[in-house]
Amino acid sequence: MNQDNYQAILTAFHQMSGWEITAALMGVAYILLAARESQWCWLFAFLSTLVYTALFWEGQLPMQALLNFYYMAMAIYGFWLWHHPGKQTDTLLISRWPLKKHLGFIVGGLAVSALLSAYLQHSGQSQSPMLDAYTTVFSVMNTWLIAKKVLENWLYWVVVDGAATLLYVQTGYYATAVLFVLNTILAMVGFISWIKLYRQQTA
């Protein structure tokens, strides 16, 4: 990385608004609380995505604004689901998917992503159509997995957040890229934490 890139990163951090920093910190709190299986993670998810929805809409990034609006709705659903899991247990238990389900999940996500990528390439509405499409589609799908407490959601987040990091570097959002590096690491921590919790509940 040359001196110009370092300067660009420093400039990006200086240009971060107080609201963006607040939203990012609440996003980190969401991941940490989710890793501890705390239902209050969804409150921080809602507040963080509420701020990001407004920021991205104002910044003329409608796709990202819509994605974060979806996250807001999923935060409400996730809180309700974790608080009212059903009649069998007082809390929603962590579950695992068989390989067949994962293959269907991945193939379905890739198919939808390919279609969206082709549309973005044709319309010229994205600086990086492929990464934009694939990260958006799998983010939408994977948010549903974490709401359902599917253990492997954290592994998907490692890949999605890693790809999102590359996307933000390519498009010049260096500060956000650094935040997504942190998210990638926290997703690994979340997976390790849920593995321990899953083993405890199945012991």
N, C-alpha and C. Protein backbone atom coordinates (compact mmCIF):
# COMPACT_ATOMS: atom_id res chain seq x y z
N MET A 1 0.85 -1.19 0.00
CA MET A 1 0.00 0.00 0.00
C MET A 1 0.89 1.24 0.00
N ASN A 2 0.68 2.15 -0.96
CA ASN A 2 1.54 3.32 -1.06
C ASN A 2 1.05 4.46 -0.17
N GLN A 3 1.81 5.56 -0.20
CA GLN A 3 1.50 6.71 0.66
C GLN A 3 0.14 7.31 0.35
N ASP A 4 -0.25 7.30 -0.94
CA ASP A 4 -1.54 7.87 -1.34
C ASP A 4 -2.70 7.09 -0.72
N ASN A 5 -2.55 5.76 -0.68
CA ASN A 5 -3.61 4.94 -0.08
C ASN A 5 -3.72 5.19 1.42
N TYR A 6 -2.59 5.30 2.09
CA TYR A 6 -2.61 5.60 3.53
C TYR A 6 -3.29 6.94 3.78
N GLN A 7 -2.98 7.92 2.94
CA GLN A 7 -3.58 9.25 3.09
C GLN A 7 -5.08 9.19 2.84
N ALA A 8 -5.49 8.36 1.88
CA ALA A 8 -6.92 8.22 1.58
C ALA A 8 -7.66 7.62 2.76
N ILE A 9 -7.04 6.64 3.42
CA ILE A 9 -7.66 6.01 4.59
C ILE A 9 -7.80 7.02 5.73
N LEU A 10 -6.74 7.78 5.99
CA LEU A 10 -6.78 8.78 7.05
C LEU A 10 -7.84 9.84 6.76
N THR A 11 -7.93 10.25 5.49
CA THR A 11 -8.94 11.25 5.10
C THR A 11 -10.34 10.70 5.30
N ALA A 12 -10.53 9.41 4.97
CA ALA A 12 -11.84 8.79 5.14
C ALA A 12 -12.27 8.78 6.60
N PHE A 13 -11.32 8.48 7.49
CA PHE A 13 -11.64 8.47 8.91
C PHE A 13 -11.98 9.88 9.41
N HIS A 14 -11.25 10.88 8.92
CA HIS A 14 -11.52 12.26 9.34
C HIS A 14 -12.89 12.72 8.87
N GLN A 15 -13.34 12.18 7.74
CA GLN A 15 -14.61 12.59 7.17
C GLN A 15 -15.81 11.83 7.75
N MET A 16 -15.55 10.83 8.57
CA MET A 16 -16.64 10.09 9.19
C MET A 16 -17.42 11.00 10.13
N SER A 17 -18.75 11.02 9.96
CA SER A 17 -19.58 11.85 10.82
C SER A 17 -19.79 11.16 12.17
N GLY A 18 -20.25 11.95 13.14
CA GLY A 18 -20.54 11.39 14.45
C GLY A 18 -21.59 10.30 14.37
N TRP A 19 -22.57 10.50 13.49
CA TRP A 19 -23.63 9.49 13.33
C TRP A 19 -23.07 8.18 12.77
N GLU A 20 -22.15 8.29 11.80
CA GLU A 20 -21.56 7.09 11.21
C GLU A 20 -20.76 6.31 12.25
N ILE A 21 -20.00 7.03 13.08
CA ILE A 21 -19.22 6.38 14.13
C ILE A 21 -20.14 5.71 15.14
N THR A 22 -21.23 6.42 15.51
CA THR A 22 -22.21 5.86 16.46
C THR A 22 -22.84 4.59 15.90
N ALA A 23 -23.23 4.64 14.63
CA ALA A 23 -23.84 3.47 13.99
C ALA A 23 -22.87 2.29 13.95
N ALA A 24 -21.61 2.59 13.65
CA ALA A 24 -20.59 1.53 13.58
C ALA A 24 -20.38 0.88 14.95
N LEU A 25 -20.31 1.71 16.00
CA LEU A 25 -20.11 1.18 17.36
C LEU A 25 -21.31 0.34 17.80
N MET A 26 -22.52 0.77 17.45
CA MET A 26 -23.70 -0.02 17.79
C MET A 26 -23.71 -1.33 17.00
N GLY A 27 -23.17 -1.29 15.78
CA GLY A 27 -23.06 -2.52 15.00
C GLY A 27 -22.12 -3.52 15.64
N VAL A 28 -21.02 -3.01 16.19
CA VAL A 28 -20.07 -3.88 16.90
C VAL A 28 -20.72 -4.45 18.15
N ALA A 29 -21.48 -3.62 18.88
CA ALA A 29 -22.18 -4.08 20.08
C ALA A 29 -23.18 -5.18 19.72
N TYR A 30 -23.84 -5.03 18.57
CA TYR A 30 -24.78 -6.05 18.11
C TYR A 30 -24.09 -7.40 17.93
N ILE A 31 -22.94 -7.41 17.27
CA ILE A 31 -22.24 -8.66 17.01
C ILE A 31 -21.76 -9.30 18.31
N LEU A 32 -21.21 -8.48 19.21
CA LEU A 32 -20.71 -9.00 20.48
C LEU A 32 -21.84 -9.60 21.32
N LEU A 33 -22.99 -8.91 21.36
CA LEU A 33 -24.13 -9.43 22.12
C LEU A 33 -24.73 -10.67 21.46
N ALA A 34 -24.75 -10.69 20.13
CA ALA A 34 -25.25 -11.87 19.42
C ALA A 34 -24.37 -13.08 19.71
N ALA A 35 -23.06 -12.85 19.77
CA ALA A 35 -22.13 -13.94 20.08
C ALA A 35 -22.38 -14.50 21.47
N ARG A 36 -22.88 -13.65 22.39
CA ARG A 36 -23.21 -14.08 23.75
C ARG A 36 -24.65 -14.59 23.85
N GLU A 37 -25.34 -14.66 22.71
CA GLU A 37 -26.71 -15.15 22.61
C GLU A 37 -27.68 -14.27 23.42
N SER A 38 -27.38 -12.97 23.47
CA SER A 38 -28.25 -12.03 24.18
C SER A 38 -29.27 -11.45 23.22
N GLN A 39 -30.54 -11.50 23.60
CA GLN A 39 -31.59 -10.99 22.74
C GLN A 39 -31.49 -9.47 22.55
N TRP A 40 -30.75 -8.78 23.45
CA TRP A 40 -30.62 -7.33 23.34
C TRP A 40 -29.72 -6.93 22.17
N CYS A 41 -29.09 -7.91 21.53
CA CYS A 41 -28.31 -7.59 20.33
C CYS A 41 -29.20 -6.95 19.27
N TRP A 42 -30.48 -7.37 19.26
CA TRP A 42 -31.39 -6.87 18.22
C TRP A 42 -31.73 -5.39 18.40
N LEU A 43 -31.71 -4.91 19.65
CA LEU A 43 -31.94 -3.48 19.88
C LEU A 43 -30.83 -2.66 19.23
N PHE A 44 -29.57 -3.09 19.44
CA PHE A 44 -28.45 -2.38 18.84
C PHE A 44 -28.46 -2.53 17.32
N ALA A 45 -28.90 -3.68 16.83
CA ALA A 45 -29.00 -3.87 15.38
C ALA A 45 -30.01 -2.90 14.79
N PHE A 46 -31.16 -2.75 15.47
CA PHE A 46 -32.20 -1.84 14.97
C PHE A 46 -31.71 -0.40 14.94
N LEU A 47 -31.10 0.05 16.04
CA LEU A 47 -30.63 1.43 16.12
C LEU A 47 -29.51 1.71 15.12
N SER A 48 -28.58 0.76 14.98
CA SER A 48 -27.47 0.93 14.04
C SER A 48 -27.98 1.04 12.61
N THR A 49 -28.86 0.13 12.22
CA THR A 49 -29.36 0.13 10.84
C THR A 49 -30.30 1.30 10.57
N LEU A 50 -30.98 1.79 11.61
CA LEU A 50 -31.81 2.98 11.45
C LEU A 50 -30.95 4.16 11.02
N VAL A 51 -29.81 4.33 11.69
CA VAL A 51 -28.89 5.42 11.36
C VAL A 51 -28.29 5.21 9.97
N TYR A 52 -27.86 3.96 9.68
CA TYR A 52 -27.26 3.68 8.38
C TYR A 52 -28.25 3.88 7.24
N THR A 53 -29.52 3.55 7.48
CA THR A 53 -30.54 3.75 6.44
C THR A 53 -30.62 5.22 6.05
N ALA A 54 -30.64 6.08 7.06
CA ALA A 54 -30.71 7.52 6.80
C ALA A 54 -29.43 8.02 6.13
N LEU A 55 -28.27 7.55 6.60
CA LEU A 55 -27.00 7.99 6.03
C LEU A 55 -26.85 7.58 4.57
N PHE A 56 -27.18 6.32 4.28
CA PHE A 56 -27.02 5.83 2.90
C PHE A 56 -28.03 6.49 1.96
N TRP A 57 -29.24 6.75 2.47
CA TRP A 57 -30.23 7.40 1.62
C TRP A 57 -29.79 8.82 1.29
N GLU A 58 -29.29 9.51 2.31
CA GLU A 58 -28.79 10.87 2.11
C GLU A 58 -27.57 10.88 1.21
N GLY A 59 -26.76 9.82 1.29
CA GLY A 59 -25.55 9.71 0.48
C GLY A 59 -25.79 9.14 -0.90
N GLN A 60 -27.08 9.01 -1.30
CA GLN A 60 -27.46 8.53 -2.63
C GLN A 60 -26.93 7.12 -2.91
N LEU A 61 -27.11 6.25 -1.91
CA LEU A 61 -26.81 4.84 -2.06
C LEU A 61 -28.09 4.06 -1.76
N PRO A 62 -29.06 4.10 -2.67
CA PRO A 62 -30.39 3.53 -2.39
C PRO A 62 -30.39 2.04 -2.11
N MET A 63 -29.51 1.27 -2.79
CA MET A 63 -29.48 -0.18 -2.54
C MET A 63 -29.05 -0.48 -1.11
N GLN A 64 -28.01 0.23 -0.63
CA GLN A 64 -27.54 0.03 0.73
C GLN A 64 -28.57 0.52 1.74
N ALA A 65 -29.28 1.59 1.41
CA ALA A 65 -30.33 2.10 2.28
C ALA A 65 -31.46 1.07 2.42
N LEU A 66 -31.85 0.47 1.29
CA LEU A 66 -32.90 -0.55 1.32
C LEU A 66 -32.45 -1.79 2.08
N LEU A 67 -31.18 -2.16 1.93
CA LEU A 67 -30.64 -3.31 2.65
C LEU A 67 -30.71 -3.06 4.15
N ASN A 68 -30.33 -1.86 4.58
CA ASN A 68 -30.37 -1.56 6.01
C ASN A 68 -31.79 -1.41 6.52
N PHE A 69 -32.72 -0.98 5.66
CA PHE A 69 -34.13 -0.95 6.05
C PHE A 69 -34.63 -2.38 6.30
N TYR A 70 -34.18 -3.31 5.45
CA TYR A 70 -34.50 -4.72 5.66
C TYR A 70 -33.92 -5.21 6.98
N TYR A 71 -32.67 -4.81 7.28
CA TYR A 71 -32.06 -5.19 8.55
C TYR A 71 -32.88 -4.69 9.74
N MET A 72 -33.48 -3.50 9.62
CA MET A 72 -34.32 -2.97 10.68
C MET A 72 -35.51 -3.90 10.94
N ALA A 73 -36.15 -4.32 9.87
CA ALA A 73 -37.29 -5.22 10.00
C ALA A 73 -36.87 -6.56 10.60
N MET A 74 -35.71 -7.06 10.18
CA MET A 74 -35.22 -8.33 10.71
C MET A 74 -34.81 -8.20 12.17
N ALA A 75 -34.39 -7.01 12.59
CA ALA A 75 -34.04 -6.80 14.00
C ALA A 75 -35.28 -6.96 14.88
N ILE A 76 -36.41 -6.45 14.39
CA ILE A 76 -37.68 -6.60 15.13
C ILE A 76 -38.08 -8.07 15.16
N TYR A 77 -37.98 -8.74 14.00
CA TYR A 77 -38.34 -10.15 13.92
C TYR A 77 -37.42 -11.00 14.79
N GLY A 78 -36.11 -10.71 14.75
CA GLY A 78 -35.15 -11.48 15.54
C GLY A 78 -35.41 -11.34 17.03
N PHE A 79 -35.70 -10.11 17.48
CA PHE A 79 -35.98 -9.90 18.90
C PHE A 79 -37.22 -10.67 19.31
N TRP A 80 -38.27 -10.61 18.48
CA TRP A 80 -39.52 -11.33 18.80
C TRP A 80 -39.29 -12.83 18.82
N LEU A 81 -38.53 -13.35 17.84
CA LEU A 81 -38.31 -14.78 17.74
C LEU A 81 -37.48 -15.30 18.91
N TRP A 82 -36.45 -14.56 19.30
CA TRP A 82 -35.61 -14.99 20.41
C TRP A 82 -36.36 -14.88 21.74
N HIS A 83 -37.34 -13.96 21.80
CA HIS A 83 -38.10 -13.76 23.04
C HIS A 83 -39.31 -14.68 23.13
N HIS A 84 -39.85 -15.08 21.97
CA HIS A 84 -41.01 -15.97 21.92
C HIS A 84 -40.72 -17.14 20.99
N PRO A 85 -39.85 -18.06 21.38
CA PRO A 85 -39.41 -19.13 20.48
C PRO A 85 -40.45 -20.21 20.21
N GLY A 86 -41.39 -20.39 21.11
CA GLY A 86 -42.36 -21.47 20.95
C GLY A 86 -42.75 -22.04 22.30
N LYS A 87 -43.54 -23.07 22.27
CA LYS A 87 -44.06 -23.64 23.51
C LYS A 87 -43.10 -24.63 24.16
N GLN A 88 -42.14 -25.17 23.41
CA GLN A 88 -41.29 -26.21 23.95
C GLN A 88 -40.25 -25.66 24.93
N THR A 89 -39.67 -24.52 24.64
CA THR A 89 -38.59 -23.98 25.46
C THR A 89 -38.83 -22.51 25.74
N ASP A 90 -38.14 -22.01 26.76
CA ASP A 90 -38.25 -20.59 27.10
C ASP A 90 -37.38 -19.72 26.19
N THR A 91 -36.36 -20.31 25.60
CA THR A 91 -35.47 -19.58 24.70
C THR A 91 -35.27 -20.38 23.42
N LEU A 92 -35.04 -19.66 22.33
CA LEU A 92 -34.77 -20.32 21.06
C LEU A 92 -33.38 -20.95 21.11
N LEU A 93 -33.31 -22.25 20.81
CA LEU A 93 -32.04 -22.97 20.89
C LEU A 93 -31.26 -22.84 19.59
N ILE A 94 -29.95 -22.91 19.71
CA ILE A 94 -29.07 -22.91 18.54
C ILE A 94 -29.26 -24.24 17.81
N SER A 95 -29.35 -24.18 16.49
CA SER A 95 -29.54 -25.40 15.69
C SER A 95 -28.47 -25.47 14.60
N ARG A 96 -28.34 -26.64 14.00
CA ARG A 96 -27.41 -26.83 12.89
C ARG A 96 -28.17 -27.34 11.68
N TRP A 97 -27.72 -26.95 10.50
CA TRP A 97 -28.33 -27.41 9.26
C TRP A 97 -27.54 -28.57 8.68
N PRO A 98 -28.22 -29.54 8.06
CA PRO A 98 -27.50 -30.60 7.34
C PRO A 98 -26.89 -30.04 6.06
N LEU A 99 -25.94 -30.78 5.49
CA LEU A 99 -25.23 -30.33 4.29
C LEU A 99 -26.18 -30.03 3.14
N LYS A 100 -27.24 -30.82 2.99
CA LYS A 100 -28.18 -30.64 1.89
C LYS A 100 -28.84 -29.25 1.93
N LYS A 101 -29.18 -28.82 3.14
CA LYS A 101 -29.79 -27.50 3.29
C LYS A 101 -28.81 -26.39 2.93
N HIS A 102 -27.57 -26.57 3.35
CA HIS A 102 -26.55 -25.57 3.04
C HIS A 102 -26.31 -25.47 1.54
N LEU A 103 -26.28 -26.61 0.87
CA LEU A 103 -26.08 -26.60 -0.58
C LEU A 103 -27.22 -25.86 -1.27
N GLY A 104 -28.45 -26.11 -0.82
CA GLY A 104 -29.60 -25.40 -1.39
C GLY A 104 -29.52 -23.90 -1.14
N PHE A 105 -29.10 -23.55 0.07
CA PHE A 105 -28.95 -22.14 0.46
C PHE A 105 -27.92 -21.45 -0.43
N ILE A 106 -26.77 -22.10 -0.62
CA ILE A 106 -25.68 -21.51 -1.41
C ILE A 106 -26.06 -21.40 -2.88
N VAL A 107 -26.61 -22.50 -3.44
CA VAL A 107 -26.98 -22.49 -4.86
C VAL A 107 -28.06 -21.44 -5.13
N GLY A 108 -29.06 -21.36 -4.24
CA GLY A 108 -30.11 -20.35 -4.40
C GLY A 108 -29.55 -18.94 -4.34
N GLY A 109 -28.64 -18.71 -3.38
CA GLY A 109 -28.03 -17.39 -3.24
C GLY A 109 -27.20 -17.02 -4.45
N LEU A 110 -26.43 -17.98 -4.96
CA LEU A 110 -25.60 -17.72 -6.14
C LEU A 110 -26.45 -17.40 -7.37
N ALA A 111 -27.57 -18.11 -7.52
CA ALA A 111 -28.45 -17.89 -8.67
C ALA A 111 -29.06 -16.49 -8.64
N VAL A 112 -29.59 -16.10 -7.48
CA VAL A 112 -30.19 -14.77 -7.36
C VAL A 112 -29.12 -13.69 -7.52
N SER A 113 -27.94 -13.94 -6.95
CA SER A 113 -26.84 -12.98 -7.06
C SER A 113 -26.41 -12.78 -8.50
N ALA A 114 -26.35 -13.87 -9.26
CA ALA A 114 -25.95 -13.78 -10.67
C ALA A 114 -26.93 -12.93 -11.46
N LEU A 115 -28.22 -13.12 -11.19
CA LEU A 115 -29.25 -12.34 -11.89
C LEU A 115 -29.13 -10.85 -11.53
N LEU A 116 -28.97 -10.57 -10.24
CA LEU A 116 -28.85 -9.17 -9.80
C LEU A 116 -27.57 -8.54 -10.34
N SER A 117 -26.49 -9.32 -10.37
CA SER A 117 -25.22 -8.82 -10.90
C SER A 117 -25.35 -8.45 -12.37
N ALA A 118 -26.03 -9.32 -13.12
CA ALA A 118 -26.24 -9.05 -14.56
C ALA A 118 -27.05 -7.77 -14.76
N TYR A 119 -28.06 -7.58 -13.91
CA TYR A 119 -28.88 -6.37 -14.01
C TYR A 119 -28.05 -5.12 -13.70
N LEU A 120 -27.24 -5.19 -12.65
CA LEU A 120 -26.41 -4.04 -12.27
C LEU A 120 -25.38 -3.72 -13.34
N GLN A 121 -24.82 -4.77 -13.96
CA GLN A 121 -23.85 -4.55 -15.04
C GLN A 121 -24.52 -3.88 -16.23
N HIS A 122 -25.74 -4.32 -16.53
CA HIS A 122 -26.47 -3.78 -17.68
C HIS A 122 -26.91 -2.34 -17.44
N SER A 123 -27.34 -2.05 -16.21
CA SER A 123 -27.87 -0.72 -15.90
C SER A 123 -26.78 0.28 -15.54
N GLY A 124 -25.60 -0.23 -15.18
CA GLY A 124 -24.50 0.65 -14.81
C GLY A 124 -24.73 1.40 -13.51
N GLN A 125 -25.55 0.82 -12.61
CA GLN A 125 -25.89 1.50 -11.36
C GLN A 125 -24.92 1.20 -10.21
N SER A 126 -23.92 0.35 -10.46
CA SER A 126 -23.00 -0.01 -9.39
C SER A 126 -21.56 0.08 -9.88
N GLN A 127 -20.67 0.53 -8.98
CA GLN A 127 -19.25 0.59 -9.32
C GLN A 127 -18.63 -0.81 -9.38
N SER A 128 -19.18 -1.73 -8.62
CA SER A 128 -18.65 -3.10 -8.57
C SER A 128 -19.83 -4.07 -8.54
N PRO A 129 -20.44 -4.33 -9.71
CA PRO A 129 -21.70 -5.08 -9.78
C PRO A 129 -21.68 -6.46 -9.12
N MET A 130 -20.62 -7.24 -9.36
CA MET A 130 -20.59 -8.60 -8.84
C MET A 130 -20.52 -8.62 -7.31
N LEU A 131 -19.55 -7.91 -6.74
CA LEU A 131 -19.42 -7.88 -5.29
C LEU A 131 -20.63 -7.25 -4.64
N ASP A 132 -21.15 -6.18 -5.25
CA ASP A 132 -22.33 -5.51 -4.72
C ASP A 132 -23.51 -6.47 -4.65
N ALA A 133 -23.72 -7.22 -5.73
CA ALA A 133 -24.84 -8.15 -5.81
C ALA A 133 -24.69 -9.31 -4.83
N TYR A 134 -23.54 -9.95 -4.85
CA TYR A 134 -23.36 -11.15 -4.02
C TYR A 134 -23.38 -10.82 -2.53
N THR A 135 -22.75 -9.71 -2.12
CA THR A 135 -22.75 -9.37 -0.70
C THR A 135 -24.15 -8.97 -0.23
N THR A 136 -24.89 -8.28 -1.09
CA THR A 136 -26.25 -7.86 -0.72
C THR A 136 -27.17 -9.06 -0.56
N VAL A 137 -27.17 -9.96 -1.54
CA VAL A 137 -28.07 -11.12 -1.52
C VAL A 137 -27.77 -12.01 -0.32
N PHE A 138 -26.49 -12.34 -0.11
CA PHE A 138 -26.18 -13.25 1.00
C PHE A 138 -26.32 -12.57 2.36
N SER A 139 -26.20 -11.24 2.41
CA SER A 139 -26.46 -10.53 3.66
C SER A 139 -27.94 -10.64 4.02
N VAL A 140 -28.80 -10.46 3.02
CA VAL A 140 -30.24 -10.58 3.24
C VAL A 140 -30.60 -11.99 3.72
N MET A 141 -30.07 -13.00 3.04
CA MET A 141 -30.39 -14.38 3.38
C MET A 141 -29.82 -14.78 4.74
N ASN A 142 -28.59 -14.34 5.00
CA ASN A 142 -27.92 -14.78 6.22
C ASN A 142 -28.48 -14.12 7.47
N THR A 143 -29.06 -12.92 7.32
CA THR A 143 -29.70 -12.28 8.46
C THR A 143 -30.85 -13.14 8.97
N TRP A 144 -31.53 -13.81 8.06
CA TRP A 144 -32.61 -14.72 8.45
C TRP A 144 -32.05 -15.91 9.23
N LEU A 145 -30.86 -16.40 8.83
CA LEU A 145 -30.25 -17.53 9.53
C LEU A 145 -29.88 -17.18 10.97
N ILE A 146 -29.34 -15.99 11.18
CA ILE A 146 -28.97 -15.63 12.55
C ILE A 146 -30.21 -15.42 13.41
N ALA A 147 -31.29 -14.92 12.80
CA ALA A 147 -32.55 -14.77 13.54
C ALA A 147 -33.09 -16.14 13.97
N LYS A 148 -32.87 -17.16 13.14
CA LYS A 148 -33.31 -18.52 13.45
C LYS A 148 -32.29 -19.28 14.31
N LYS A 149 -31.18 -18.63 14.64
CA LYS A 149 -30.11 -19.21 15.44
C LYS A 149 -29.51 -20.46 14.80
N VAL A 150 -29.26 -20.38 13.50
CA VAL A 150 -28.56 -21.46 12.81
C VAL A 150 -27.06 -21.23 13.01
N LEU A 151 -26.39 -22.19 13.61
CA LEU A 151 -24.99 -22.05 14.01
C LEU A 151 -24.08 -21.56 12.88
N GLU A 152 -24.27 -22.12 11.70
CA GLU A 152 -23.34 -21.85 10.60
C GLU A 152 -23.47 -20.43 10.02
N ASN A 153 -24.43 -19.65 10.52
CA ASN A 153 -24.57 -18.29 10.00
C ASN A 153 -23.27 -17.50 10.14
N TRP A 154 -22.52 -17.80 11.23
CA TRP A 154 -21.27 -17.06 11.47
C TRP A 154 -20.23 -17.34 10.39
N LEU A 155 -20.22 -18.56 9.88
CA LEU A 155 -19.27 -18.90 8.81
C LEU A 155 -19.61 -18.14 7.53
N TYR A 156 -20.90 -18.04 7.27
CA TYR A 156 -21.33 -17.25 6.11
C TYR A 156 -20.93 -15.79 6.28
N TRP A 157 -21.08 -15.27 7.51
CA TRP A 157 -20.72 -13.88 7.75
C TRP A 157 -19.23 -13.63 7.54
N VAL A 158 -18.39 -14.61 7.88
CA VAL A 158 -16.95 -14.46 7.64
C VAL A 158 -16.69 -14.21 6.16
N VAL A 159 -17.36 -14.99 5.31
CA VAL A 159 -17.18 -14.85 3.86
C VAL A 159 -17.80 -13.55 3.35
N VAL A 160 -19.03 -13.27 3.79
CA VAL A 160 -19.75 -12.08 3.31
C VAL A 160 -19.04 -10.80 3.74
N ASP A 161 -18.65 -10.73 5.01
CA ASP A 161 -17.97 -9.53 5.50
C ASP A 161 -16.59 -9.37 4.86
N GLY A 162 -15.92 -10.49 4.61
CA GLY A 162 -14.64 -10.41 3.91
C GLY A 162 -14.80 -9.86 2.50
N ALA A 163 -15.86 -10.34 1.80
CA ALA A 163 -16.14 -9.83 0.45
C ALA A 163 -16.56 -8.37 0.49
N ALA A 164 -17.33 -8.00 1.52
CA ALA A 164 -17.76 -6.60 1.66
C ALA A 164 -16.56 -5.69 1.90
N THR A 165 -15.57 -6.19 2.65
CA THR A 165 -14.35 -5.42 2.87
C THR A 165 -13.68 -5.09 1.54
N LEU A 166 -13.57 -6.09 0.68
CA LEU A 166 -12.98 -5.88 -0.65
C LEU A 166 -13.80 -4.88 -1.47
N LEU A 167 -15.13 -5.00 -1.37
CA LEU A 167 -16.02 -4.09 -2.09
C LEU A 167 -15.78 -2.64 -1.68
N TYR A 168 -15.69 -2.41 -0.38
CA TYR A 168 -15.52 -1.03 0.11
C TYR A 168 -14.13 -0.49 -0.21
N VAL A 169 -13.12 -1.36 -0.25
CA VAL A 169 -11.78 -0.92 -0.66
C VAL A 169 -11.80 -0.51 -2.13
N GLN A 170 -12.43 -1.33 -2.96
CA GLN A 170 -12.49 -1.05 -4.40
C GLN A 170 -13.24 0.25 -4.71
N THR A 171 -14.25 0.56 -3.89
CA THR A 171 -15.08 1.74 -4.15
C THR A 171 -14.65 2.96 -3.34
N GLY A 172 -13.54 2.83 -2.59
CA GLY A 172 -12.99 3.98 -1.90
C GLY A 172 -13.54 4.25 -0.52
N TYR A 173 -14.36 3.33 0.03
CA TYR A 173 -14.88 3.51 1.38
C TYR A 173 -13.93 2.84 2.37
N TYR A 174 -12.76 3.45 2.55
CA TYR A 174 -11.69 2.82 3.32
C TYR A 174 -12.05 2.66 4.80
N ALA A 175 -12.67 3.67 5.38
CA ALA A 175 -13.03 3.59 6.79
C ALA A 175 -14.01 2.45 7.04
N THR A 176 -15.02 2.35 6.17
CA THR A 176 -16.00 1.26 6.31
C THR A 176 -15.34 -0.09 6.08
N ALA A 177 -14.35 -0.14 5.18
CA ALA A 177 -13.62 -1.38 4.94
C ALA A 177 -12.92 -1.86 6.21
N VAL A 178 -12.31 -0.92 6.94
CA VAL A 178 -11.64 -1.28 8.19
C VAL A 178 -12.65 -1.83 9.20
N LEU A 179 -13.83 -1.22 9.26
CA LEU A 179 -14.88 -1.70 10.16
C LEU A 179 -15.32 -3.12 9.79
N PHE A 180 -15.35 -3.42 8.49
CA PHE A 180 -15.77 -4.76 8.07
C PHE A 180 -14.67 -5.80 8.31
N VAL A 181 -13.43 -5.37 8.35
CA VAL A 181 -12.37 -6.28 8.79
C VAL A 181 -12.64 -6.71 10.23
N LEU A 182 -13.02 -5.73 11.07
CA LEU A 182 -13.38 -6.03 12.46
C LEU A 182 -14.58 -6.94 12.52
N ASN A 183 -15.57 -6.68 11.68
CA ASN A 183 -16.77 -7.54 11.64
C ASN A 183 -16.41 -8.98 11.28
N THR A 184 -15.47 -9.14 10.35
CA THR A 184 -15.04 -10.48 9.94
C THR A 184 -14.42 -11.23 11.12
N ILE A 185 -13.57 -10.53 11.88
CA ILE A 185 -12.94 -11.14 13.06
C ILE A 185 -13.99 -11.49 14.11
N LEU A 186 -14.94 -10.56 14.33
CA LEU A 186 -15.99 -10.79 15.33
C LEU A 186 -16.91 -11.95 14.92
N ALA A 187 -17.08 -12.16 13.61
CA ALA A 187 -17.87 -13.30 13.14
C ALA A 187 -17.19 -14.62 13.51
N MET A 188 -15.87 -14.65 13.44
CA MET A 188 -15.12 -15.84 13.86
C MET A 188 -15.30 -16.07 15.36
N VAL A 189 -15.23 -14.98 16.13
CA VAL A 189 -15.45 -15.07 17.58
C VAL A 189 -16.85 -15.57 17.87
N GLY A 190 -17.83 -15.05 17.12
CA GLY A 190 -19.22 -15.48 17.31
C GLY A 190 -19.40 -16.96 17.05
N PHE A 191 -18.74 -17.47 16.01
CA PHE A 191 -18.86 -18.90 15.70
C PHE A 191 -18.28 -19.75 16.82
N ILE A 192 -17.12 -19.37 17.33
CA ILE A 192 -16.50 -20.12 18.43
C ILE A 192 -17.39 -20.10 19.67
N SER A 193 -17.97 -18.92 19.96
CA SER A 193 -18.84 -18.78 21.11
C SER A 193 -20.08 -19.66 20.99
N TRP A 194 -20.70 -19.67 19.80
CA TRP A 194 -21.92 -20.46 19.61
C TRP A 194 -21.63 -21.95 19.58
N ILE A 195 -20.44 -22.33 19.11
CA ILE A 195 -20.05 -23.74 19.17
C ILE A 195 -20.07 -24.23 20.61
N LYS A 196 -19.50 -23.43 21.52
CA LYS A 196 -19.49 -23.80 22.94
C LYS A 196 -20.90 -23.87 23.51
N LEU A 197 -21.74 -22.88 23.17
CA LEU A 197 -23.10 -22.86 23.66
C LEU A 197 -23.90 -24.05 23.11
N TYR A 198 -23.67 -24.38 21.85
CA TYR A 198 -24.37 -25.51 21.22
C TYR A 198 -24.00 -26.83 21.89
N ARG A 199 -22.72 -26.99 22.20
CA ARG A 199 -22.28 -28.21 22.87
C ARG A 199 -22.85 -28.32 24.27
N GLN A 200 -23.00 -27.18 24.95
CA GLN A 200 -23.58 -27.18 26.29
C GLN A 200 -25.04 -27.58 26.26
N GLN A 201 -25.79 -27.09 25.28
CA GLN A 201 -27.22 -27.39 25.23
C GLN A 201 -27.51 -28.80 24.73
N THR A 202 -26.51 -29.43 24.06
CA THR A 202 -26.70 -30.81 23.58
C THR A 202 -26.02 -31.83 24.46
N ALA A 203 -25.33 -31.36 25.50
CA ALA A 203 -24.61 -32.29 26.39
C ALA A 203 -25.59 -33.10 27.23
